[in-house]
Amino acid sequence: GDDMRVVNSIGVSLMMQGKFEEAMPWLEKALEGNCPSAQKNIDAIKAEWEYEARVRKEIEEYLNKYN
């Protein structure tokens, strides 16, 4: 409840399962509750989303090139 390290850990657990959408509210709550390590986890999820978007775009461009 009040221990933001636990809240952060729940977010990390979800993140490790690839459940980024579910993890974000937990991590944001931990960050708001003054758990600084939550920020690096939020940053990691955002980096993963950016990577996935970039790869998706590259694949689409490749497929469009040969269609």
Protein backbone atom coordinates (compact mmCIF):
# COMPACT_ATOMS: atom_id res chain seq x y z
CA GLY A 1 0.00 0.00 0.00
CA ASP A 2 2.28 2.77 1.21
CA ASP A 3 5.65 1.28 0.24
CA MET A 4 6.35 2.61 -3.22
CA ARG A 5 9.15 0.08 -3.69
CA VAL A 6 6.49 -2.62 -3.69
CA VAL A 7 4.39 -0.65 -6.18
CA ASN A 8 7.48 -0.25 -8.36
CA SER A 9 8.20 -3.98 -8.09
CA ILE A 10 4.70 -4.81 -9.31
CA GLY A 11 5.31 -2.55 -12.29
CA VAL A 12 8.66 -4.21 -12.96
CA SER A 13 7.08 -7.65 -12.76
CA LEU A 14 4.48 -6.66 -15.36
CA MET A 15 7.16 -5.02 -17.48
CA MET A 16 9.23 -8.22 -17.48
CA GLN A 17 6.17 -10.09 -18.75
CA GLY A 18 5.89 -7.65 -21.64
CA LYS A 19 2.72 -6.12 -20.17
CA PHE A 20 3.89 -2.55 -20.63
CA GLU A 21 0.43 -0.96 -20.70
CA GLU A 22 -0.41 -2.60 -17.39
CA ALA A 23 2.96 -1.73 -15.86
CA MET A 24 2.87 2.00 -16.56
CA PRO A 25 0.20 2.99 -13.99
CA TRP A 26 2.09 1.11 -11.28
CA LEU A 27 5.37 2.73 -12.19
CA GLU A 28 3.82 6.18 -12.44
CA LYS A 29 2.24 5.72 -9.01
CA ALA A 30 5.61 4.65 -7.60
CA LEU A 31 7.28 7.68 -9.15
CA GLU A 32 4.64 10.01 -7.72
CA GLY A 33 5.20 8.32 -4.36
CA ASN A 34 8.88 9.32 -4.45
CA CYS A 35 10.41 6.06 -5.70
CA PRO A 36 13.17 7.38 -7.97
CA SER A 37 13.97 3.98 -9.49
CA ALA A 38 10.53 3.98 -11.09
CA GLN A 39 11.73 6.62 -13.56
CA LYS A 40 14.34 4.31 -15.10
CA ASN A 41 11.66 1.66 -15.52
CA ILE A 42 9.31 4.13 -17.19
CA ASP A 43 12.17 5.21 -19.45
CA ALA A 44 12.85 1.56 -20.34
CA ILE A 45 9.24 1.02 -21.38
CA LYS A 46 9.22 4.19 -23.45
CA ALA A 47 12.46 3.10 -25.13
CA GLU A 48 10.92 -0.28 -25.92
CA TRP A 49 7.84 1.39 -27.42
CA GLU A 50 10.05 3.64 -29.54
CA TYR A 51 12.09 0.65 -30.70
CA GLU A 52 8.96 -1.32 -31.61
CA ALA A 53 7.54 1.64 -33.53
CA ARG A 54 10.81 2.10 -35.43
CA VAL A 55 11.03 -1.59 -36.35
CA ARG A 56 7.37 -1.65 -37.38
CA LYS A 57 7.97 1.34 -39.65
CA GLU A 58 11.07 -0.24 -41.18
CA ILE A 59 9.18 -3.46 -41.89
CA GLU A 60 6.29 -1.57 -43.46
CA GLU A 61 8.70 0.42 -45.64
CA TYR A 62 10.48 -2.76 -46.69
CA LEU A 63 7.21 -4.51 -47.56
CA ASN A 64 5.92 -1.48 -49.46
CA LYS A 65 9.14 -1.34 -51.43
CA TYR A 66 8.61 -4.86 -52.76
CA ASN A 67 4.82 -4.84 -53.25
